[in-house]
Amino acid sequence: MLSIYNTLTKMKEEFVPIHSPEVSMYVCGPTVYDFFHIGNARSFIMADIVRRYLEYKNYKVKYVMNLTDVDDKIIKKSIQEKKQAAEISENYILAFLEDINKLKIKPATLYPKATAHMKEIIQFIKELEDKGYAYNIDGNVFFDVLKFKEYGKLSGKKTDELESGARIEINEEKRNPLDFSLWKKAKAGEPFWESFWSKGRPGWHIECSAMSCKHLGTTFDIHAGGNDLIFPHHENEIAQSEAANGKKFVNYWIHFGFLNINDEKMSKSLGNFFTARDILKKHSAEAIRLSFAQTHYAGPLNYSEDLLLSSEKGLEKINNLAYKIQNELSTAKKTEVSLNFNFDKYYRAFESSMDDDFNTPQATAVIFDFTRDINKTISENENLNYEFFKSAKLFLEKTAVNVLGILDFEKHSKYAGDSIENELIELLIRLRIEAKEEKNFLLSDKIRDRLKEIGIILQDSKERTTFKRITI
């Protein structure tokens, strides 16, 4: 049974989809005015793992991630670079799709753009106005927060406390400082769309409500995003969506914890602001994903170079086993001795971890335990059955590859598939063994050292000598 911590109810709840086995999931995507940073990457990767595990459990996930392609930041960037806002957003949409692909993030079912949903957004605002939740002041439309009695139920914030703590707003048109923009009248030179109220553009919050409701329905299963979006963005989404539709907006809210850099908040002024693109130049996607997976998605994460180096070192153990499995599958015979290895124990442990609110730290620990125990079994048993290696590969494919995305068998298959190269390496290993038996240690060491120079590391045990490949 899968349980999820629901930000709305502040407790773990059994996951029961509205229309099982279908699952509707919406994730707040980027505002496309720049490359996304490593904090955003954490949210995108952890949401990807949630989606992948739901698919592991045989749910059919409709996964929608919006692209905010009209926004004040985009307009500011277009003025700075003297380009059209549409050109800025399209360029960064392409960059975003390139970078999430490099991070092994599965493509969404849909990437709706705000600019392609103006009709739905305008109609959504009109519905709120007709029901008395929105008001128009000279072409600017605002949501009246005090009209929605449950405002604050996601964040736990009270409207009277928010009002007393609110600063004086520059925009004096609003009836209440907490009221938020649904439609903004365009200033000179800004992009605009025709509407009932003015030539203008939508506010950020209404875009997500209109797009999620169009593609997933007025009530859907999961809404996910970073902790920083709980208030005001997601709080405002709930208010306007439930006010317009008269029904519950989302059943399960999932929020991802903050990411600090070397114990400090990420900031351009501190010089510790890193884009995902920057990090990918130095580290593998698998290492980045593992570094995130080893902390629970809801908790804070202190990101550092040491964290990534530790992940790279941990991955080496899994990758070495993957090399070994691929090599053995290319040579093992189906008629060799069978071994009763309890694979089910590791499946149960992995699923138990992930069923407990996507406990990826425990799930990765299961994979490392499996790696250790498989290696031990291989070292203690000669002529293992083909089915043993096939089953070991299947476990890693289902968990490390398909769910966590921390292993890529395709990187290793070219080596295992090259049987001639493997045979030549095995020949050199046999020659080295013969040299050692003849006490010709000079030749033995020379074979070992020359193989190491080309990225082949020999591993001696009492039973036999095996090899692994490393990147040089």
Protein backbone atom coordinates (compact mmCIF):
# COMPACT_ATOMS: atom_id res chain seq x y z
CA MET A 1 0.00 0.00 0.00
CA LEU A 2 1.46 3.35 -1.06
CA SER A 3 1.15 6.19 1.44
CA ILE A 4 1.89 9.83 0.65
CA TYR A 5 2.44 12.75 3.01
CA ASN A 6 -0.22 15.25 1.97
CA THR A 7 0.71 18.89 2.62
CA LEU A 8 -3.00 19.75 2.70
CA THR A 9 -3.89 17.39 5.56
CA LYS A 10 -0.43 17.39 7.21
CA MET A 11 -0.43 13.58 7.44
CA LYS A 12 0.43 10.43 5.50
CA GLU A 13 -2.54 9.05 3.60
CA GLU A 14 -3.13 5.92 1.58
CA PHE A 15 -2.95 6.78 -2.09
CA VAL A 16 -6.27 6.12 -3.79
CA PRO A 17 -6.50 7.53 -7.35
CA ILE A 18 -9.76 8.99 -8.59
CA HIS A 19 -9.86 6.72 -11.65
CA SER A 20 -7.47 3.84 -10.92
CA PRO A 21 -5.31 2.63 -12.64
CA GLU A 22 -5.07 6.10 -14.18
CA VAL A 23 -3.27 8.81 -12.19
CA SER A 24 -3.43 12.53 -12.95
CA MET A 25 -0.34 14.48 -11.87
CA TYR A 26 0.55 18.15 -12.34
CA VAL A 27 4.01 19.58 -11.64
CA CYS A 28 4.86 23.27 -11.68
CA GLY A 29 7.40 23.75 -14.46
CA PRO A 30 9.84 26.57 -15.19
CA THR A 31 9.34 30.20 -16.02
CA VAL A 32 11.37 30.21 -19.21
CA TYR A 33 13.57 33.30 -18.99
CA ASP A 34 16.88 31.60 -18.03
CA PHE A 35 18.53 28.20 -17.47
CA PHE A 36 17.01 26.46 -14.45
CA HIS A 37 19.14 26.14 -11.32
CA ILE A 38 20.10 23.06 -9.32
CA GLY A 39 17.35 23.73 -6.77
CA ASN A 40 14.76 23.51 -9.54
CA ALA A 41 16.50 20.36 -10.74
CA ARG A 42 15.91 18.73 -7.36
CA SER A 43 12.15 19.31 -7.67
CA PHE A 44 12.04 18.11 -11.27
CA ILE A 45 14.08 14.96 -10.51
CA MET A 46 12.14 14.01 -7.37
CA ALA A 47 8.83 14.54 -9.19
CA ASP A 48 10.21 12.31 -11.95
CA ILE A 49 11.00 9.57 -9.40
CA VAL A 50 7.48 9.83 -7.95
CA ARG A 51 6.05 9.43 -11.45
CA ARG A 52 8.39 6.53 -12.25
CA TYR A 53 7.44 4.66 -9.08
CA LEU A 54 3.74 5.08 -9.80
CA GLU A 55 4.43 3.51 -13.19
CA TYR A 56 6.42 0.74 -11.48
CA LYS A 57 3.21 0.01 -9.56
CA ASN A 58 1.38 -0.29 -12.90
CA TYR A 59 -0.44 3.02 -12.76
CA LYS A 60 -0.93 4.86 -16.03
CA VAL A 61 0.27 8.37 -15.24
CA LYS A 62 -0.88 11.44 -17.14
CA TYR A 63 1.97 13.76 -16.22
CA VAL A 64 1.51 17.45 -17.00
CA MET A 65 4.23 20.07 -16.48
CA ASN A 66 3.43 23.65 -17.46
CA LEU A 67 5.75 26.11 -19.14
CA THR A 68 5.25 29.71 -17.98
CA ASP A 69 6.06 31.59 -21.17
CA VAL A 70 4.50 34.97 -20.30
CA ASP A 71 5.74 36.66 -17.14
CA ASP A 72 7.31 39.87 -15.84
CA LYS A 73 10.75 38.21 -15.76
CA ILE A 74 10.49 37.23 -19.41
CA ILE A 75 9.47 40.76 -20.36
CA LYS A 76 12.38 42.21 -18.35
CA LYS A 77 14.80 39.83 -20.09
CA SER A 78 13.41 40.73 -23.52
CA ILE A 79 13.98 44.44 -22.81
CA GLN A 80 17.53 43.78 -21.59
CA GLU A 81 18.41 41.71 -24.67
CA LYS A 82 16.32 43.80 -27.09
CA LYS A 83 14.42 40.74 -28.30
CA GLN A 84 10.77 39.77 -28.50
CA ALA A 85 9.45 38.09 -25.35
CA ALA A 86 8.32 35.12 -27.46
CA GLU A 87 11.87 34.62 -28.75
CA ILE A 88 13.25 34.62 -25.20
CA SER A 89 10.73 32.06 -23.99
CA GLU A 90 11.13 29.75 -26.99
CA ASN A 91 14.92 29.72 -26.66
CA TYR A 92 14.74 28.79 -22.99
CA ILE A 93 12.02 26.19 -23.55
CA LEU A 94 14.42 24.40 -25.90
CA ALA A 95 17.23 24.71 -23.32
CA PHE A 96 14.94 23.37 -20.59
CA LEU A 97 13.96 20.32 -22.65
CA GLU A 98 17.62 19.64 -23.49
CA ASP A 99 18.69 19.82 -19.84
CA ILE A 100 15.93 17.63 -18.39
CA ASN A 101 16.71 15.04 -21.06
CA LYS A 102 20.35 15.05 -19.93
CA LEU A 103 19.15 14.60 -16.34
CA LYS A 104 17.31 11.41 -17.39
CA ILE A 105 13.93 13.00 -16.61
CA LYS A 106 11.17 11.28 -18.55
CA PRO A 107 9.24 13.57 -20.93
CA ALA A 108 5.90 14.78 -19.60
CA THR A 109 2.70 13.63 -21.23
CA LEU A 110 2.03 17.33 -21.96
CA TYR A 111 3.97 20.59 -21.64
CA PRO A 112 1.17 23.18 -21.87
CA LYS A 113 2.23 26.79 -22.50
CA ALA A 114 0.40 29.71 -20.94
CA THR A 115 0.33 31.58 -24.26
CA ALA A 116 -1.49 28.67 -25.90
CA HIS A 117 -4.25 28.74 -23.25
CA MET A 118 -5.37 32.37 -23.23
CA LYS A 119 -8.96 31.46 -24.10
CA GLU A 120 -9.19 29.07 -21.12
CA ILE A 121 -7.43 31.53 -18.78
CA ILE A 122 -9.70 34.43 -19.71
CA GLN A 123 -12.81 32.27 -19.34
CA PHE A 124 -11.58 31.08 -15.92
CA ILE A 125 -11.20 34.69 -14.74
CA LYS A 126 -14.63 35.59 -16.14
CA GLU A 127 -16.16 32.71 -14.15
CA LEU A 128 -14.58 34.06 -10.97
CA GLU A 129 -15.84 37.55 -11.72
CA ASP A 130 -19.37 36.30 -12.41
CA LYS A 131 -19.37 34.42 -9.08
CA GLY A 132 -18.22 37.48 -7.15
CA TYR A 133 -14.70 36.32 -6.35
CA ALA A 134 -12.92 38.75 -8.67
CA TYR A 135 -13.16 42.50 -9.28
CA ASN A 136 -11.98 44.75 -12.09
CA ILE A 137 -10.24 48.05 -11.41
CA ASP A 138 -9.53 49.96 -14.62
CA GLY A 139 -8.62 46.83 -16.61
CA ASN A 140 -6.72 45.09 -13.79
CA VAL A 141 -8.54 42.11 -12.29
CA PHE A 142 -7.89 40.84 -8.74
CA PHE A 143 -9.03 37.84 -6.71
CA ASP A 144 -10.83 38.86 -3.52
CA VAL A 145 -9.13 36.65 -0.94
CA LEU A 146 -11.58 37.41 1.87
CA LYS A 147 -14.44 35.99 -0.23
CA PHE A 148 -12.81 32.54 -0.12
CA LYS A 149 -13.35 31.45 3.49
CA GLU A 150 -10.85 28.57 3.41
CA TYR A 151 -7.92 30.70 2.27
CA GLY A 152 -4.76 29.50 4.02
CA LYS A 153 -5.76 25.85 4.41
CA LEU A 154 -2.69 24.56 2.52
CA SER A 155 -0.04 26.77 4.13
CA GLY A 156 -1.71 27.03 7.52
CA LYS A 157 -1.58 30.82 7.33
CA LYS A 158 -4.49 32.88 8.69
CA THR A 159 -5.82 35.81 6.68
CA ASP A 160 -5.98 38.14 9.71
CA GLU A 161 -2.33 37.40 10.53
CA LEU A 162 -1.33 37.86 6.91
CA GLU A 163 -3.18 41.18 6.76
CA SER A 164 -1.55 42.54 9.93
CA GLY A 165 1.88 41.50 8.68
CA ALA A 166 1.41 42.71 5.10
CA ARG A 167 3.52 45.62 3.93
CA ILE A 168 1.95 48.63 2.25
CA GLU A 169 1.42 47.70 -1.39
CA ILE A 170 2.59 50.00 -4.15
CA ASN A 171 -0.51 48.98 -6.08
CA GLU A 172 -3.26 50.84 -4.19
CA GLU A 173 -5.99 49.60 -6.53
CA LYS A 174 -6.47 46.40 -4.53
CA ARG A 175 -9.17 46.26 -1.87
CA ASN A 176 -6.91 44.16 0.34
CA PRO A 177 -3.11 43.73 0.32
CA LEU A 178 -3.61 39.92 0.12
CA ASP A 179 -5.64 40.09 -3.09
CA PHE A 180 -3.67 38.82 -6.06
CA SER A 181 -3.65 39.58 -9.78
CA LEU A 182 -5.69 37.53 -12.21
CA TRP A 183 -5.30 39.89 -15.17
CA LYS A 184 -2.78 42.71 -15.69
CA LYS A 185 -3.41 45.58 -18.06
CA ALA A 186 -0.48 45.89 -20.44
CA LYS A 187 1.93 48.79 -20.25
CA ALA A 188 3.34 50.41 -23.37
CA GLY A 189 5.56 48.03 -25.33
CA GLU A 190 4.50 44.92 -23.41
CA PRO A 191 2.95 41.84 -25.06
CA PHE A 192 -0.82 41.67 -24.63
CA TRP A 193 -3.98 39.71 -25.40
CA GLU A 194 -7.51 41.00 -25.85
CA SER A 195 -9.90 40.31 -22.96
CA PHE A 196 -13.19 41.44 -21.39
CA TRP A 197 -11.30 43.93 -19.21
CA SER A 198 -8.31 45.27 -21.13
CA LYS A 199 -5.46 44.45 -23.44
CA GLY A 200 -3.19 42.61 -21.07
CA ARG A 201 -1.84 39.31 -19.78
CA PRO A 202 -2.69 36.85 -17.00
CA GLY A 203 -1.21 36.60 -13.54
CA TRP A 204 1.03 33.64 -12.77
CA HIS A 205 -1.33 31.76 -10.45
CA ILE A 206 -4.33 31.67 -12.77
CA GLU A 207 -2.25 30.14 -15.57
CA CYS A 208 -1.62 26.95 -13.58
CA SER A 209 -5.26 26.61 -12.53
CA ALA A 210 -6.56 27.01 -16.06
CA MET A 211 -4.05 24.60 -17.62
CA SER A 212 -4.24 21.90 -14.94
CA CYS A 213 -8.05 21.88 -14.93
CA LYS A 214 -8.21 21.75 -18.70
CA HIS A 215 -5.87 18.79 -19.07
CA LEU A 216 -6.52 16.85 -15.82
CA GLY A 217 -10.05 17.84 -14.81
CA THR A 218 -11.46 20.11 -12.12
CA THR A 219 -10.34 17.62 -9.44
CA PHE A 220 -7.17 15.58 -9.98
CA ASP A 221 -4.88 13.27 -8.01
CA ILE A 222 -1.48 14.86 -7.39
CA HIS A 223 -0.05 18.38 -7.55
CA ALA A 224 3.70 18.67 -6.88
CA GLY A 225 6.26 21.44 -6.62
CA GLY A 226 8.92 23.01 -4.43
CA ASN A 227 8.29 24.08 -0.82
CA ASP A 228 8.69 27.68 -1.89
CA LEU A 229 5.49 27.38 -3.95
CA ILE A 230 3.20 26.43 -1.03
CA PHE A 231 2.53 30.10 -0.35
CA PRO A 232 1.37 32.06 -2.17
CA HIS A 233 1.34 30.17 -5.48
CA HIS A 234 -0.33 26.90 -4.53
CA GLU A 235 -2.52 28.57 -1.90
CA ASN A 236 -3.79 30.92 -4.59
CA GLU A 237 -4.31 28.06 -7.04
CA ILE A 238 -6.56 26.32 -4.53
CA ALA A 239 -8.55 29.48 -3.78
CA GLN A 240 -9.28 30.43 -7.39
CA SER A 241 -9.84 26.85 -8.61
CA GLU A 242 -12.24 25.85 -5.85
CA ALA A 243 -14.02 29.21 -6.04
CA ALA A 244 -14.56 28.79 -9.79
CA ASN A 245 -15.41 25.09 -9.86
CA GLY A 246 -17.13 24.60 -6.53
CA LYS A 247 -15.25 21.39 -5.77
CA LYS A 248 -11.99 20.11 -4.32
CA PHE A 249 -9.05 21.04 -6.54
CA VAL A 250 -6.37 18.42 -5.71
CA ASN A 251 -6.42 15.30 -3.53
CA TYR A 252 -2.67 14.97 -2.73
CA TRP A 253 -0.16 17.82 -2.49
CA ILE A 254 3.54 16.85 -2.59
CA HIS A 255 6.24 19.42 -1.85
CA PHE A 256 10.00 19.10 -2.22
CA GLY A 257 12.43 20.51 0.35
CA PHE A 258 14.81 23.42 0.00
CA LEU A 259 18.33 23.05 -1.35
CA ASN A 260 21.26 24.95 0.16
CA ILE A 261 24.76 25.25 -1.27
CA ASN A 262 27.50 24.51 1.29
CA ASP A 263 25.10 25.36 4.15
CA GLU A 264 24.12 28.69 2.59
CA LYS A 265 21.04 29.70 0.64
CA MET A 266 21.77 29.69 -3.09
CA SER A 267 22.20 33.26 -4.32
CA LYS A 268 23.82 34.97 -7.28
CA SER A 269 25.17 37.65 -4.93
CA LEU A 270 27.00 35.00 -2.87
CA GLY A 271 28.46 33.48 -6.02
CA ASN A 272 27.04 30.03 -5.24
CA PHE A 273 24.31 30.04 -7.86
CA PHE A 274 24.62 26.99 -10.11
CA THR A 275 22.47 25.99 -13.04
CA ALA A 276 21.78 22.34 -13.78
CA ARG A 277 23.66 22.92 -17.03
CA ASP A 278 26.76 23.97 -15.04
CA ILE A 279 26.66 20.87 -12.84
CA LEU A 280 26.14 18.51 -15.79
CA LYS A 281 29.46 19.67 -17.24
CA LYS A 282 31.26 18.19 -14.22
CA HIS A 283 29.09 15.31 -13.05
CA SER A 284 26.91 12.59 -14.52
CA ALA A 285 23.13 12.75 -14.42
CA GLU A 286 23.17 9.50 -12.45
CA ALA A 287 25.38 11.05 -9.74
CA ILE A 288 23.13 14.10 -9.47
CA ARG A 289 20.05 11.89 -9.20
CA LEU A 290 21.66 9.67 -6.57
CA SER A 291 22.75 12.68 -4.50
CA PHE A 292 19.12 13.83 -4.43
CA ALA A 293 17.65 10.35 -3.88
CA GLN A 294 19.79 9.77 -0.78
CA THR A 295 17.85 12.51 1.04
CA HIS A 296 14.08 12.29 1.51
CA TYR A 297 12.30 14.52 -0.98
CA ALA A 298 10.56 16.61 1.71
CA GLY A 299 13.66 17.36 3.77
CA PRO A 300 16.27 20.09 3.26
CA LEU A 301 19.37 19.12 1.30
CA ASN A 302 22.81 20.67 1.65
CA TYR A 303 24.36 20.49 -1.80
CA SER A 304 28.14 20.40 -2.13
CA GLU A 305 30.92 19.11 -4.33
CA ASP A 306 31.69 16.49 -1.68
CA LEU A 307 28.11 15.23 -1.91
CA LEU A 308 28.48 14.66 -5.64
CA LEU A 309 31.89 13.06 -5.32
CA SER A 310 30.45 10.67 -2.74
CA SER A 311 27.62 9.84 -5.14
CA GLU A 312 30.08 9.19 -7.96
CA LYS A 313 32.00 6.82 -5.70
CA GLY A 314 28.83 5.01 -4.68
CA LEU A 315 27.74 4.66 -8.29
CA GLU A 316 31.05 3.02 -9.15
CA LYS A 317 29.98 -0.01 -7.10
CA ILE A 318 26.69 -0.33 -8.96
CA ASN A 319 28.32 0.31 -12.33
CA ASN A 320 30.99 -2.30 -11.68
CA LEU A 321 28.28 -4.86 -10.99
CA ALA A 322 26.48 -3.80 -14.18
CA TYR A 323 29.70 -4.36 -16.19
CA LYS A 324 30.12 -7.73 -14.55
CA ILE A 325 26.52 -8.80 -15.25
CA GLN A 326 26.74 -7.74 -18.88
CA ASN A 327 30.02 -9.62 -19.30
CA GLU A 328 28.66 -12.77 -17.67
CA LEU A 329 25.45 -12.70 -19.72
CA SER A 330 27.55 -12.73 -22.87
CA THR A 331 29.44 -15.86 -21.78
CA ALA A 332 27.36 -17.75 -19.18
CA LYS A 333 25.67 -20.94 -20.35
CA LYS A 334 22.04 -21.70 -19.68
CA THR A 335 22.92 -25.25 -18.67
CA GLU A 336 25.27 -24.29 -15.85
CA VAL A 337 24.59 -24.79 -12.14
CA SER A 338 21.51 -23.00 -10.80
CA LEU A 339 21.63 -21.04 -7.54
CA ASN A 340 18.72 -20.36 -5.20
CA PHE A 341 19.19 -16.63 -4.57
CA ASN A 342 16.30 -14.80 -2.85
CA PHE A 343 15.62 -11.94 -5.28
CA ASP A 344 12.10 -11.46 -3.88
CA LYS A 345 13.58 -10.27 -0.57
CA TYR A 346 15.13 -7.26 -2.29
CA TYR A 347 12.01 -6.47 -4.31
CA ARG A 348 9.95 -6.49 -1.11
CA ALA A 349 12.47 -4.24 0.68
CA PHE A 350 12.60 -1.79 -2.22
CA GLU A 351 8.82 -1.59 -2.53
CA SER A 352 8.34 -1.28 1.22
CA SER A 353 10.70 1.71 1.22
CA MET A 354 9.09 3.47 -1.73
CA ASP A 355 5.56 2.74 -0.49
CA ASP A 356 6.42 4.71 2.65
CA ASP A 357 6.05 8.20 1.14
CA PHE A 358 8.69 7.56 -1.56
CA ASN A 359 11.51 6.88 0.93
CA THR A 360 14.32 7.01 -1.63
CA PRO A 361 17.18 7.01 0.95
CA GLN A 362 16.03 3.59 2.16
CA ALA A 363 15.35 2.41 -1.40
CA THR A 364 18.90 3.30 -2.51
CA ALA A 365 20.23 1.47 0.56
CA VAL A 366 18.39 -1.64 -0.65
CA ILE A 367 20.12 -1.35 -4.04
CA PHE A 368 23.55 -1.06 -2.39
CA ASP A 369 22.76 -4.08 -0.19
CA PHE A 370 21.74 -6.00 -3.30
CA THR A 371 24.97 -4.98 -5.07
CA ARG A 372 27.08 -6.15 -2.13
CA ASP A 373 25.26 -9.49 -1.79
CA ILE A 374 25.31 -10.25 -5.53
CA ASN A 375 29.05 -9.53 -5.66
CA LYS A 376 29.60 -11.81 -2.67
CA THR A 377 27.59 -14.57 -4.33
CA ILE A 378 29.55 -14.25 -7.56
CA SER A 379 32.91 -14.40 -5.74
CA GLU A 380 31.86 -17.52 -3.82
CA ASN A 381 30.34 -19.48 -6.72
CA GLU A 382 31.86 -20.49 -10.05
CA ASN A 383 29.82 -21.25 -13.18
CA LEU A 384 26.68 -19.44 -12.05
CA ASN A 385 23.55 -20.03 -14.06
CA TYR A 386 22.62 -17.66 -16.91
CA GLU A 387 19.25 -17.10 -15.23
CA PHE A 388 21.00 -15.81 -12.10
CA PHE A 389 22.65 -12.97 -14.02
CA LYS A 390 19.47 -12.34 -15.99
CA SER A 391 17.50 -12.01 -12.73
CA ALA A 392 20.16 -9.73 -11.22
CA LYS A 393 20.00 -7.47 -14.27
CA LEU A 394 16.20 -7.43 -14.18
CA PHE A 395 16.17 -6.27 -10.54
CA LEU A 396 18.58 -3.42 -11.30
CA GLU A 397 16.62 -2.46 -14.41
CA LYS A 398 13.34 -2.28 -12.53
CA THR A 399 14.71 -0.33 -9.56
CA ALA A 400 17.98 1.51 -10.26
CA VAL A 401 17.18 2.20 -13.92
CA ASN A 402 13.41 2.52 -14.26
CA VAL A 403 12.54 4.10 -10.90
CA LEU A 404 15.57 5.99 -9.57
CA GLY A 405 17.35 6.60 -12.86
CA ILE A 406 20.80 6.11 -11.30
CA LEU A 407 22.03 3.39 -13.68
CA ASP A 408 22.21 3.17 -17.45
CA PHE A 409 22.82 -0.33 -18.79
CA GLU A 410 23.16 1.03 -22.31
CA LYS A 411 26.46 2.61 -21.29
CA HIS A 412 27.78 -0.85 -20.49
CA SER A 413 26.16 -2.89 -23.25
CA LYS A 414 28.68 -1.85 -25.90
CA TYR A 415 31.40 -3.50 -23.84
CA ALA A 416 29.50 -6.68 -23.06
CA GLY A 417 28.31 -6.89 -26.63
CA ASP A 418 31.83 -6.78 -27.99
CA SER A 419 32.58 -10.46 -27.49
CA ILE A 420 35.88 -10.28 -29.45
CA GLU A 421 37.20 -7.56 -27.13
CA ASN A 422 36.11 -9.54 -24.09
CA GLU A 423 37.81 -12.67 -25.40
CA LEU A 424 41.06 -10.74 -25.94
CA ILE A 425 40.93 -9.41 -22.39
CA GLU A 426 40.25 -12.91 -21.06
CA LEU A 427 43.21 -14.18 -23.11
CA LEU A 428 45.49 -11.57 -21.51
CA ILE A 429 44.16 -12.55 -18.08
CA ARG A 430 45.03 -16.21 -18.76
CA LEU A 431 48.52 -15.21 -19.94
CA ARG A 432 48.99 -13.18 -16.77
CA ILE A 433 47.90 -16.14 -14.61
CA GLU A 434 50.38 -18.38 -16.44
CA ALA A 435 53.10 -15.79 -15.96
CA LYS A 436 52.40 -15.65 -12.21
CA GLU A 437 52.47 -19.46 -12.00
CA GLU A 438 55.88 -19.39 -13.69
CA LYS A 439 56.94 -16.66 -11.23
CA ASN A 440 57.39 -14.24 -14.14
CA PHE A 441 56.09 -11.33 -12.07
CA LEU A 442 57.62 -8.74 -14.41
CA LEU A 443 55.36 -9.90 -17.26
CA SER A 444 52.38 -10.37 -14.94
CA ASP A 445 52.64 -6.79 -13.64
CA LYS A 446 53.22 -5.44 -17.16
CA ILE A 447 49.97 -7.02 -18.43
CA ARG A 448 48.06 -5.63 -15.42
CA ASP A 449 49.55 -2.13 -15.81
CA ARG A 450 49.04 -1.90 -19.57
CA LEU A 451 45.41 -2.98 -19.23
CA LYS A 452 44.92 -0.32 -16.54
CA GLU A 453 46.30 2.31 -18.92
CA ILE A 454 43.44 1.60 -21.34
CA GLY A 455 40.77 1.55 -18.62
CA ILE A 456 40.68 -2.18 -17.77
CA ILE A 457 41.07 -2.91 -14.05
CA LEU A 458 41.83 -6.50 -13.01
CA GLN A 459 40.32 -7.83 -9.79
CA ASP A 460 41.96 -10.92 -8.26
CA SER A 461 40.14 -13.30 -5.90
CA LYS A 462 40.90 -16.80 -4.64
CA GLU A 463 38.64 -18.36 -7.27
CA ARG A 464 39.41 -16.26 -10.36
CA THR A 465 40.39 -12.93 -11.88
CA THR A 466 37.68 -10.63 -13.26
CA PHE A 467 37.87 -7.21 -14.87
CA LYS A 468 35.96 -3.94 -14.90
CA ARG A 469 36.14 -0.87 -17.09
CA ILE A 470 36.67 2.67 -15.85
CA THR A 471 36.51 6.01 -17.62
CA ILE A 472 39.96 7.39 -18.35
